[in-house]
Amino acid sequence: MSLRATLLSPTKPNNIPEKSQWLSGEGAGSWFFIEFKNDFFLISRFSPTGDIECSGKFKLIDGELDFSKEYNFEHISHCQQVRIKQATAILLFERIND
């Protein structure tokens, strides 16, 4: 079976942080949220209905994320690695196992 349609952004449930972004895929999608906490990034992924799918500490492999500028979550992003595009840069975040 081959899926060709990507899911449009559903209405954001109230329990998902306001600045979360919808990342659609073929037949699926998730809400992603990122914030900086002291010396790591906390990234959470939520289902379309608002259930937490995963949340953890991440480190930025290279570059710098400027929260005052526009950025977008990109494919391939999951519970172990997350990609964010800002301007022309693709920033890679890897989960910290602690």
PDB file of N, CA and C in Angstrom:
ATOM      1  N   MET A   1       0.843  -1.188   0.000  1.00  0.00           N
ATOM      2  CA  MET A   1       0.000   0.000   0.000  1.00  0.00           C
ATOM      3  C   MET A   1       0.884   1.245   0.000  1.00  0.00           C
ATOM      4  N   SER A   2       0.599   2.162  -0.868  1.00  0.00           N
ATOM      5  CA  SER A   2       1.375   3.383  -0.976  1.00  0.00           C
ATOM      6  C   SER A   2       0.507   4.573  -0.593  1.00  0.00           C
ATOM      7  N   LEU A   3       0.964   5.330   0.400  1.00  0.00           N
ATOM      8  CA  LEU A   3       0.235   6.524   0.824  1.00  0.00           C
ATOM      9  C   LEU A   3       0.797   7.728   0.087  1.00  0.00           C
ATOM     10  N   ARG A   4      -0.069   8.534  -0.446  1.00  0.00           N
ATOM     11  CA  ARG A   4       0.380   9.704  -1.198  1.00  0.00           C
ATOM     12  C   ARG A   4      -0.063  11.026  -0.575  1.00  0.00           C
ATOM     13  N   ALA A   5      -1.058  10.999   0.302  1.00  0.00           N
ATOM     14  CA  ALA A   5      -1.589  12.241   0.854  1.00  0.00           C
ATOM     15  C   ALA A   5      -0.919  12.573   2.185  1.00  0.00           C
ATOM     16  N   THR A   6      -0.517  13.827   2.351  1.00  0.00           N
ATOM     17  CA  THR A   6       0.003  14.261   3.639  1.00  0.00           C
ATOM     18  C   THR A   6      -1.129  14.887   4.429  1.00  0.00           C
ATOM     19  N   LEU A   7      -1.026  14.748   5.742  1.00  0.00           N
ATOM     20  CA  LEU A   7      -2.073  15.271   6.612  1.00  0.00           C
ATOM     21  C   LEU A   7      -1.925  16.768   6.793  1.00  0.00           C
ATOM     22  N   LEU A   8      -3.020  17.483   6.656  1.00  0.00           N
ATOM     23  CA  LEU A   8      -3.027  18.908   6.953  1.00  0.00           C
ATOM     24  C   LEU A   8      -2.979  19.089   8.458  1.00  0.00           C
ATOM     25  N   SER A   9      -2.561  20.253   8.892  1.00  0.00           N
ATOM     26  CA  SER A   9      -2.484  20.552  10.317  1.00  0.00           C
ATOM     27  C   SER A   9      -3.871  20.512  10.946  1.00  0.00           C
ATOM     28  N   PRO A  10      -4.048  19.658  11.972  1.00  0.00           N
ATOM     29  CA  PRO A  10      -5.340  19.637  12.661  1.00  0.00           C
ATOM     30  C   PRO A  10      -5.418  20.803  13.644  1.00  0.00           C
ATOM     31  N   THR A  11      -6.579  21.008  14.229  1.00  0.00           N
ATOM     32  CA  THR A  11      -6.718  22.003  15.284  1.00  0.00           C
ATOM     33  C   THR A  11      -5.811  21.597  16.436  1.00  0.00           C
ATOM     34  N   LYS A  12      -5.041  22.544  16.946  1.00  0.00           N
ATOM     35  CA  LYS A  12      -4.088  22.238  18.008  1.00  0.00           C
ATOM     36  C   LYS A  12      -4.822  22.059  19.335  1.00  0.00           C
ATOM     37  N   PRO A  13      -4.678  20.898  19.980  1.00  0.00           N
ATOM     38  CA  PRO A  13      -5.297  20.691  21.293  1.00  0.00           C
ATOM     39  C   PRO A  13      -4.754  21.684  22.323  1.00  0.00           C
ATOM     40  N   ASN A  14      -5.557  22.002  23.322  1.00  0.00           N
ATOM     41  CA  ASN A  14      -5.193  23.008  24.322  1.00  0.00           C
ATOM     42  C   ASN A  14      -3.962  22.645  25.145  1.00  0.00           C
ATOM     43  N   ASN A  15      -3.667  21.361  25.313  1.00  0.00           N
ATOM     44  CA  ASN A  15      -2.534  20.967  26.152  1.00  0.00           C
ATOM     45  C   ASN A  15      -1.186  21.039  25.427  1.00  0.00           C
ATOM     46  N   ILE A  16      -1.194  21.338  24.158  1.00  0.00           N
ATOM     47  CA  ILE A  16       0.053  21.448  23.391  1.00  0.00           C
ATOM     48  C   ILE A  16       0.543  22.895  23.465  1.00  0.00           C
ATOM     49  N   PRO A  17       1.852  23.098  23.752  1.00  0.00           N
ATOM     50  CA  PRO A  17       2.373  24.463  23.852  1.00  0.00           C
ATOM     51  C   PRO A  17       2.047  25.306  22.616  1.00  0.00           C
ATOM     52  N   GLU A  18       1.801  26.574  22.852  1.00  0.00           N
ATOM     53  CA  GLU A  18       1.366  27.496  21.794  1.00  0.00           C
ATOM     54  C   GLU A  18       2.326  27.540  20.608  1.00  0.00           C
ATOM     55  N   LYS A  19       3.623  27.500  20.867  1.00  0.00           N
ATOM     56  CA  LYS A  19       4.610  27.638  19.790  1.00  0.00           C
ATOM     57  C   LYS A  19       4.967  26.310  19.130  1.00  0.00           C
ATOM     58  N   SER A  20       4.213  25.267  19.403  1.00  0.00           N
ATOM     59  CA  SER A  20       4.447  23.978  18.747  1.00  0.00           C
ATOM     60  C   SER A  20       4.173  24.096  17.255  1.00  0.00           C
ATOM     61  N   GLN A  21       4.861  23.274  16.480  1.00  0.00           N
ATOM     62  CA  GLN A  21       4.687  23.271  15.025  1.00  0.00           C
ATOM     63  C   GLN A  21       4.244  21.898  14.555  1.00  0.00           C
ATOM     64  N   TRP A  22       3.363  21.890  13.571  1.00  0.00           N
ATOM     65  CA  TRP A  22       2.878  20.657  12.965  1.00  0.00           C
ATOM     66  C   TRP A  22       3.852  20.223  11.879  1.00  0.00           C
ATOM     67  N   LEU A  23       4.281  18.960  11.937  1.00  0.00           N
ATOM     68  CA  LEU A  23       5.115  18.377  10.888  1.00  0.00           C
ATOM     69  C   LEU A  23       4.316  17.245  10.276  1.00  0.00           C
ATOM     70  N   SER A  24       3.871  17.452   9.043  1.00  0.00           N
ATOM     71  CA  SER A  24       3.018  16.451   8.395  1.00  0.00           C
ATOM     72  C   SER A  24       3.866  15.444   7.648  1.00  0.00           C
ATOM     73  N   GLY A  25       3.253  14.304   7.425  1.00  0.00           N
ATOM     74  CA  GLY A  25       3.903  13.251   6.662  1.00  0.00           C
ATOM     75  C   GLY A  25       2.849  12.525   5.849  1.00  0.00           C
ATOM     76  N   GLU A  26       3.236  11.423   5.238  1.00  0.00           N
ATOM     77  CA  GLU A  26       2.285  10.635   4.455  1.00  0.00           C
ATOM     78  C   GLU A  26       1.424   9.802   5.395  1.00  0.00           C
ATOM     79  N   GLY A  27       0.179  10.190   5.541  1.00  0.00           N
ATOM     80  CA  GLY A  27      -0.761   9.455   6.378  1.00  0.00           C
ATOM     81  C   GLY A  27      -0.558   9.639   7.862  1.00  0.00           C
ATOM     82  N   ALA A  28       0.335  10.534   8.264  1.00  0.00           N
ATOM     83  CA  ALA A  28       0.616  10.751   9.683  1.00  0.00           C
ATOM     84  C   ALA A  28       1.136  12.167   9.885  1.00  0.00           C
ATOM     85  N   GLY A  29       1.316  12.530  11.123  1.00  0.00           N
ATOM     86  CA  GLY A  29       1.868  13.831  11.459  1.00  0.00           C
ATOM     87  C   GLY A  29       1.968  13.962  12.960  1.00  0.00           C
ATOM     88  N   SER A  30       2.779  14.919  13.405  1.00  0.00           N
ATOM     89  CA  SER A  30       2.966  15.149  14.835  1.00  0.00           C
ATOM     90  C   SER A  30       3.205  16.630  15.078  1.00  0.00           C
ATOM     91  N   TRP A  31       2.908  17.046  16.296  1.00  0.00           N
ATOM     92  CA  TRP A  31       3.244  18.378  16.775  1.00  0.00           C
ATOM     93  C   TRP A  31       4.614  18.296  17.440  1.00  0.00           C
ATOM     94  N   PHE A  32       5.506  19.256  17.161  1.00  0.00           N
ATOM     95  CA  PHE A  32       6.826  19.312  17.790  1.00  0.00           C
ATOM     96  C   PHE A  32       6.975  20.631  18.535  1.00  0.00           C
ATOM     97  N   PHE A  33       7.641  20.551  19.696  1.00  0.00           N
ATOM     98  CA  PHE A  33       7.905  21.741  20.505  1.00  0.00           C
ATOM     99  C   PHE A  33       9.343  21.680  21.003  1.00  0.00           C
ATOM    100  N   ILE A  34      10.031  22.821  20.965  1.00  0.00           N
ATOM    101  CA  ILE A  34      11.411  22.905  21.441  1.00  0.00           C
ATOM    102  C   ILE A  34      11.565  24.105  22.361  1.00  0.00           C
ATOM    103  N   GLU A  35      12.352  23.918  23.418  1.00  0.00           N
ATOM    104  CA  GLU A  35      12.720  25.024  24.297  1.00  0.00           C
ATOM    105  C   GLU A  35      14.122  24.758  24.834  1.00  0.00           C
ATOM    106  N   PHE A  36      14.818  25.848  25.194  1.00  0.00           N
ATOM    107  CA  PHE A  36      16.172  25.703  25.728  1.00  0.00           C
ATOM    108  C   PHE A  36      16.107  25.707  27.240  1.00  0.00           C
ATOM    109  N   LYS A  37      16.788  24.751  27.871  1.00  0.00           N
ATOM    110  CA  LYS A  37      16.824  24.606  29.329  1.00  0.00           C
ATOM    111  C   LYS A  37      18.278  24.550  29.771  1.00  0.00           C
ATOM    112  N   ASN A  38      18.810  25.649  30.276  1.00  0.00           N
ATOM    113  CA  ASN A  38      20.174  25.709  30.816  1.00  0.00           C
ATOM    114  C   ASN A  38      21.228  25.230  29.821  1.00  0.00           C
ATOM    115  N   ASP A  39      21.479  23.932  29.729  1.00  0.00           N
ATOM    116  CA  ASP A  39      22.541  23.444  28.853  1.00  0.00           C
ATOM    117  C   ASP A  39      22.067  22.370  27.877  1.00  0.00           C
ATOM    118  N   PHE A  40      20.767  22.303  27.648  1.00  0.00           N
ATOM    119  CA  PHE A  40      20.225  21.333  26.693  1.00  0.00           C
ATOM    120  C   PHE A  40      18.922  21.871  26.112  1.00  0.00           C
ATOM    121  N   PHE A  41      18.476  21.235  25.047  1.00  0.00           N
ATOM    122  CA  PHE A  41      17.183  21.552  24.450  1.00  0.00           C
ATOM    123  C   PHE A  41      16.194  20.474  24.874  1.00  0.00           C
ATOM    124  N   LEU A  42      15.013  20.881  25.274  1.00  0.00           N
ATOM    125  CA  LEU A  42      13.935  19.943  25.576  1.00  0.00           C
ATOM    126  C   LEU A  42      13.019  19.926  24.359  1.00  0.00           C
ATOM    127  N   ILE A  43      12.903  18.765  23.734  1.00  0.00           N
ATOM    128  CA  ILE A  43      12.058  18.623  22.551  1.00  0.00           C
ATOM    129  C   ILE A  43      10.979  17.599  22.858  1.00  0.00           C
ATOM    130  N   SER A  44       9.742  17.975  22.552  1.00  0.00           N
ATOM    131  CA  SER A  44       8.601  17.088  22.780  1.00  0.00           C
ATOM    132  C   SER A  44       7.847  16.890  21.479  1.00  0.00           C
ATOM    133  N   ARG A  45       7.331  15.678  21.317  1.00  0.00           N
ATOM    134  CA  ARG A  45       6.506  15.349  20.150  1.00  0.00           C
ATOM    135  C   ARG A  45       5.152  14.879  20.653  1.00  0.00           C
ATOM    136  N   PHE A  46       4.098  15.435  20.044  1.00  0.00           N
ATOM    137  CA  PHE A  46       2.723  15.132  20.432  1.00  0.00           C
ATOM    138  C   PHE A  46       1.961  14.547  19.250  1.00  0.00           C
ATOM    139  N   SER A  47       1.023  13.688  19.546  1.00  0.00           N
ATOM    140  CA  SER A  47       0.138  13.136  18.514  1.00  0.00           C
ATOM    141  C   SER A  47      -0.823  14.225  18.045  1.00  0.00           C
ATOM    142  N   PRO A  48      -1.528  14.003  16.949  1.00  0.00           N
ATOM    143  CA  PRO A  48      -2.512  14.985  16.477  1.00  0.00           C
ATOM    144  C   PRO A  48      -3.579  15.313  17.523  1.00  0.00           C
ATOM    145  N   THR A  49      -3.862  14.367  18.425  1.00  0.00           N
ATOM    146  CA  THR A  49      -4.893  14.592  19.448  1.00  0.00           C
ATOM    147  C   THR A  49      -4.330  15.126  20.756  1.00  0.00           C
ATOM    148  N   GLY A  50      -3.009  15.329  20.833  1.00  0.00           N
ATOM    149  CA  GLY A  50      -2.409  15.949  22.008  1.00  0.00           C
ATOM    150  C   GLY A  50      -1.718  15.013  22.976  1.00  0.00           C
ATOM    151  N   ASP A  51      -1.678  13.719  22.666  1.00  0.00           N
ATOM    152  CA  ASP A  51      -0.970  12.780  23.542  1.00  0.00           C
ATOM    153  C   ASP A  51       0.533  12.926  23.331  1.00  0.00           C
ATOM    154  N   ILE A  52       1.281  12.904  24.430  1.00  0.00           N
ATOM    155  CA  ILE A  52       2.731  12.990  24.302  1.00  0.00           C
ATOM    156  C   ILE A  52       3.259  11.677  23.744  1.00  0.00           C
ATOM    157  N   GLU A  53       4.014  11.768  22.668  1.00  0.00           N
ATOM    158  CA  GLU A  53       4.603  10.580  22.043  1.00  0.00           C
ATOM    159  C   GLU A  53       6.024  10.355  22.551  1.00  0.00           C
ATOM    160  N   CYS A  54       6.739  11.441  22.781  1.00  0.00           N
ATOM    161  CA  CYS A  54       8.067  11.359  23.385  1.00  0.00           C
ATOM    162  C   CYS A  54       8.498  12.765  23.785  1.00  0.00           C
ATOM    163  N   SER A  55       9.408  12.821  24.740  1.00  0.00           N
ATOM    164  CA  SER A  55       9.961  14.081  25.208  1.00  0.00           C
ATOM    165  C   SER A  55      11.324  13.777  25.795  1.00  0.00           C
ATOM    166  N   GLY A  56      12.311  14.612  25.505  1.00  0.00           N
ATOM    167  CA  GLY A  56      13.635  14.334  26.040  1.00  0.00           C
ATOM    168  C   GLY A  56      14.594  15.483  25.852  1.00  0.00           C
ATOM    169  N   LYS A  57      15.771  15.279  26.428  1.00  0.00           N
ATOM    170  CA  LYS A  57      16.857  16.242  26.320  1.00  0.00           C
ATOM    171  C   LYS A  57      17.609  15.981  25.018  1.00  0.00           C
ATOM    172  N   PHE A  58      17.939  17.070  24.315  1.00  0.00           N
ATOM    173  CA  PHE A  58      18.660  16.974  23.051  1.00  0.00           C
ATOM    174  C   PHE A  58      19.827  17.948  23.045  1.00  0.00           C
ATOM    175  N   LYS A  59      20.859  17.605  22.276  1.00  0.00           N
ATOM    176  CA  LYS A  59      21.976  18.522  22.055  1.00  0.00           C
ATOM    177  C   LYS A  59      22.016  18.884  20.581  1.00  0.00           C
ATOM    178  N   LEU A  60      22.415  20.107  20.305  1.00  0.00           N
ATOM    179  CA  LEU A  60      22.584  20.580  18.929  1.00  0.00           C
ATOM    180  C   LEU A  60      23.969  20.154  18.457  1.00  0.00           C
ATOM    181  N   ILE A  61      24.026  19.430  17.358  1.00  0.00           N
ATOM    182  CA  ILE A  61      25.286  18.885  16.862  1.00  0.00           C
ATOM    183  C   ILE A  61      26.194  19.967  16.284  1.00  0.00           C
ATOM    184  N   ASP A  62      25.640  20.898  15.521  1.00  0.00           N
ATOM    185  CA  ASP A  62      26.452  21.937  14.905  1.00  0.00           C
ATOM    186  C   ASP A  62      25.556  23.126  14.600  1.00  0.00           C
ATOM    187  N   GLY A  63      26.098  24.322  14.708  1.00  0.00           N
ATOM    188  CA  GLY A  63      25.330  25.517  14.392  1.00  0.00           C
ATOM    189  C   GLY A  63      24.696  26.126  15.623  1.00  0.00           C
ATOM    190  N   GLU A  64      23.731  26.997  15.384  1.00  0.00           N
ATOM    191  CA  GLU A  64      23.064  27.714  16.468  1.00  0.00           C
ATOM    192  C   GLU A  64      21.619  27.979  16.075  1.00  0.00           C
ATOM    193  N   LEU A  65      20.699  27.747  17.009  1.00  0.00           N
ATOM    194  CA  LEU A  65      19.288  28.042  16.788  1.00  0.00           C
ATOM    195  C   LEU A  65      18.976  29.384  17.423  1.00  0.00           C
ATOM    196  N   ASP A  66      18.444  30.303  16.643  1.00  0.00           N
ATOM    197  CA  ASP A  66      18.047  31.625  17.124  1.00  0.00           C
ATOM    198  C   ASP A  66      16.531  31.632  17.256  1.00  0.00           C
ATOM    199  N   PHE A  67      16.039  31.575  18.500  1.00  0.00           N
ATOM    200  CA  PHE A  67      14.599  31.516  18.734  1.00  0.00           C
ATOM    201  C   PHE A  67      13.872  32.788  18.293  1.00  0.00           C
ATOM    202  N   SER A  68      14.613  33.883  18.089  1.00  0.00           N
ATOM    203  CA  SER A  68      13.963  35.130  17.663  1.00  0.00           C
ATOM    204  C   SER A  68      13.707  35.162  16.156  1.00  0.00           C
ATOM    205  N   LYS A  69      14.242  34.178  15.438  1.00  0.00           N
ATOM    206  CA  LYS A  69      14.043  34.103  13.989  1.00  0.00           C
ATOM    207  C   LYS A  69      13.187  32.891  13.644  1.00  0.00           C
ATOM    208  N   GLU A  70      12.573  32.936  12.468  1.00  0.00           N
ATOM    209  CA  GLU A  70      11.700  31.843  12.025  1.00  0.00           C
ATOM    210  C   GLU A  70      12.494  30.555  11.843  1.00  0.00           C
ATOM    211  N   TYR A  71      11.877  29.458  12.239  1.00  0.00           N
ATOM    212  CA  TYR A  71      12.458  28.129  12.040  1.00  0.00           C
ATOM    213  C   TYR A  71      11.326  27.138  11.833  1.00  0.00           C
ATOM    214  N   ASN A  72      11.646  26.004  11.210  1.00  0.00           N
ATOM    215  CA  ASN A  72      10.646  24.970  10.943  1.00  0.00           C
ATOM    216  C   ASN A  72      11.240  23.591  11.169  1.00  0.00           C
ATOM    217  N   PHE A  73      10.460  22.718  11.799  1.00  0.00           N
ATOM    218  CA  PHE A  73      10.850  21.325  11.949  1.00  0.00           C
ATOM    219  C   PHE A  73      10.800  20.669  10.574  1.00  0.00           C
ATOM    220  N   GLU A  74      11.753  19.783  10.314  1.00  0.00           N
ATOM    221  CA  GLU A  74      11.898  19.151   9.008  1.00  0.00           C
ATOM    222  C   GLU A  74      11.948  17.632   9.150  1.00  0.00           C
ATOM    223  N   HIS A  75      11.742  16.951   8.021  1.00  0.00           N
ATOM    224  CA  HIS A  75      11.913  15.496   7.982  1.00  0.00           C
ATOM    225  C   HIS A  75      13.396  15.207   7.873  1.00  0.00           C
ATOM    226  N   ILE A  76      13.941  14.252   8.402  1.00  0.00           N
ATOM    227  CA  ILE A  76      13.329  13.189   9.192  1.00  0.00           C
ATOM    228  C   ILE A  76      13.511  13.584  10.659  1.00  0.00           C
ATOM    229  N   SER A  77      12.421  13.684  11.401  1.00  0.00           N
ATOM    230  CA  SER A  77      12.456  14.004  12.822  1.00  0.00           C
ATOM    231  C   SER A  77      11.679  12.938  13.575  1.00  0.00           C
ATOM    232  N   HIS A  78      12.264  12.481  14.663  1.00  0.00           N
ATOM    233  CA  HIS A  78      11.621  11.440  15.478  1.00  0.00           C
ATOM    234  C   HIS A  78      12.116  11.574  16.913  1.00  0.00           C
ATOM    235  N   CYS A  79      11.951  10.547  17.725  1.00  0.00           N
ATOM    236  CA  CYS A  79      12.260  10.635  19.158  1.00  0.00           C
ATOM    237  C   CYS A  79      13.753  10.577  19.471  1.00  0.00           C
ATOM    238  N   GLN A  80      14.607  10.293  18.490  1.00  0.00           N
ATOM    239  CA  GLN A  80      16.052  10.229  18.717  1.00  0.00           C
ATOM    240  C   GLN A  80      16.819  11.348  18.010  1.00  0.00           C
ATOM    241  N   GLN A  81      16.303  11.827  16.891  1.00  0.00           N
ATOM    242  CA  GLN A  81      16.918  12.922  16.147  1.00  0.00           C
ATOM    243  C   GLN A  81      15.832  13.860  15.640  1.00  0.00           C
ATOM    244  N   VAL A  82      16.161  15.149  15.654  1.00  0.00           N
ATOM    245  CA  VAL A  82      15.225  16.161  15.154  1.00  0.00           C
ATOM    246  C   VAL A  82      16.008  17.109  14.254  1.00  0.00           C
ATOM    247  N   ARG A  83      15.393  17.474  13.147  1.00  0.00           N
ATOM    248  CA  ARG A  83      15.992  18.435  12.221  1.00  0.00           C
ATOM    249  C   ARG A  83      15.130  19.693  12.191  1.00  0.00           C
ATOM    250  N   ILE A  84      15.817  20.823  12.236  1.00  0.00           N
ATOM    251  CA  ILE A  84      15.152  22.124  12.158  1.00  0.00           C
ATOM    252  C   ILE A  84      15.848  22.933  11.075  1.00  0.00           C
ATOM    253  N   LYS A  85      15.048  23.556  10.221  1.00  0.00           N
ATOM    254  CA  LYS A  85      15.592  24.440   9.187  1.00  0.00           C
ATOM    255  C   LYS A  85      15.417  25.876   9.651  1.00  0.00           C
ATOM    256  N   GLN A  86      16.519  26.615   9.608  1.00  0.00           N
ATOM    257  CA  GLN A  86      16.476  28.044   9.912  1.00  0.00           C
ATOM    258  C   GLN A  86      17.306  28.749   8.850  1.00  0.00           C
ATOM    259  N   ALA A  87      16.659  29.650   8.127  1.00  0.00           N
ATOM    260  CA  ALA A  87      17.266  30.285   6.951  1.00  0.00           C
ATOM    261  C   ALA A  87      17.682  29.167   5.995  1.00  0.00           C
ATOM    262  N   THR A  88      18.959  29.056   5.665  1.00  0.00           N
ATOM    263  CA  THR A  88      19.402  28.004   4.741  1.00  0.00           C
ATOM    264  C   THR A  88      20.048  26.822   5.463  1.00  0.00           C
ATOM    265  N   ALA A  89      20.157  26.914   6.783  1.00  0.00           N
ATOM    266  CA  ALA A  89      20.833  25.865   7.560  1.00  0.00           C
ATOM    267  C   ALA A  89      19.851  24.796   8.034  1.00  0.00           C
ATOM    268  N   ILE A  90      20.296  23.551   7.995  1.00  0.00           N
ATOM    269  CA  ILE A  90      19.564  22.443   8.603  1.00  0.00           C
ATOM    270  C   ILE A  90      20.312  22.080   9.882  1.00  0.00           C
ATOM    271  N   LEU A  91      19.649  22.259  11.019  1.00  0.00           N
ATOM    272  CA  LEU A  91      20.250  21.992  12.321  1.00  0.00           C
ATOM    273  C   LEU A  91      19.830  20.607  12.787  1.00  0.00           C
ATOM    274  N   LEU A  92      20.793  19.821  13.244  1.00  0.00           N
ATOM    275  CA  LEU A  92      20.527  18.463  13.696  1.00  0.00           C
ATOM    276  C   LEU A  92      20.650  18.396  15.214  1.00  0.00           C
ATOM    277  N   PHE A  93      19.610  17.878  15.852  1.00  0.00           N
ATOM    278  CA  PHE A  93      19.584  17.680  17.297  1.00  0.00           C
ATOM    279  C   PHE A  93      19.554  16.182  17.570  1.00  0.00           C
ATOM    280  N   GLU A  94      20.401  15.728  18.506  1.00  0.00           N
ATOM    281  CA  GLU A  94      20.421  14.317  18.881  1.00  0.00           C
ATOM    282  C   GLU A  94      20.048  14.180  20.347  1.00  0.00           C
ATOM    283  N   ARG A  95      19.304  13.129  20.648  1.00  0.00           N
ATOM    284  CA  ARG A  95      18.843  12.891  22.010  1.00  0.00           C
ATOM    285  C   ARG A  95      20.022  12.530  22.910  1.00  0.00           C
ATOM    286  N   ILE A  96      19.992  13.082  24.127  1.00  0.00           N
ATOM    287  CA  ILE A  96      20.992  12.800  25.147  1.00  0.00           C
ATOM    288  C   ILE A  96      20.449  11.682  26.020  1.00  0.00           C
ATOM    289  N   ASN A  97      21.191  10.613  26.134  1.00  0.00           N
ATOM    290  CA  ASN A  97      20.795   9.513  27.018  1.00  0.00           C
ATOM    291  C   ASN A  97      21.406   9.751  28.385  1.00  0.00           C
ATOM    292  N   ASP A  98      20.525   9.966  29.377  1.00  0.00           N
ATOM    293  CA  ASP A  98      21.060  10.162  30.731  1.00  0.00           C
ATOM    294  C   ASP A  98      20.314   9.327  31.726  1.00  0.00           C
TER     295      ASP A  98
END
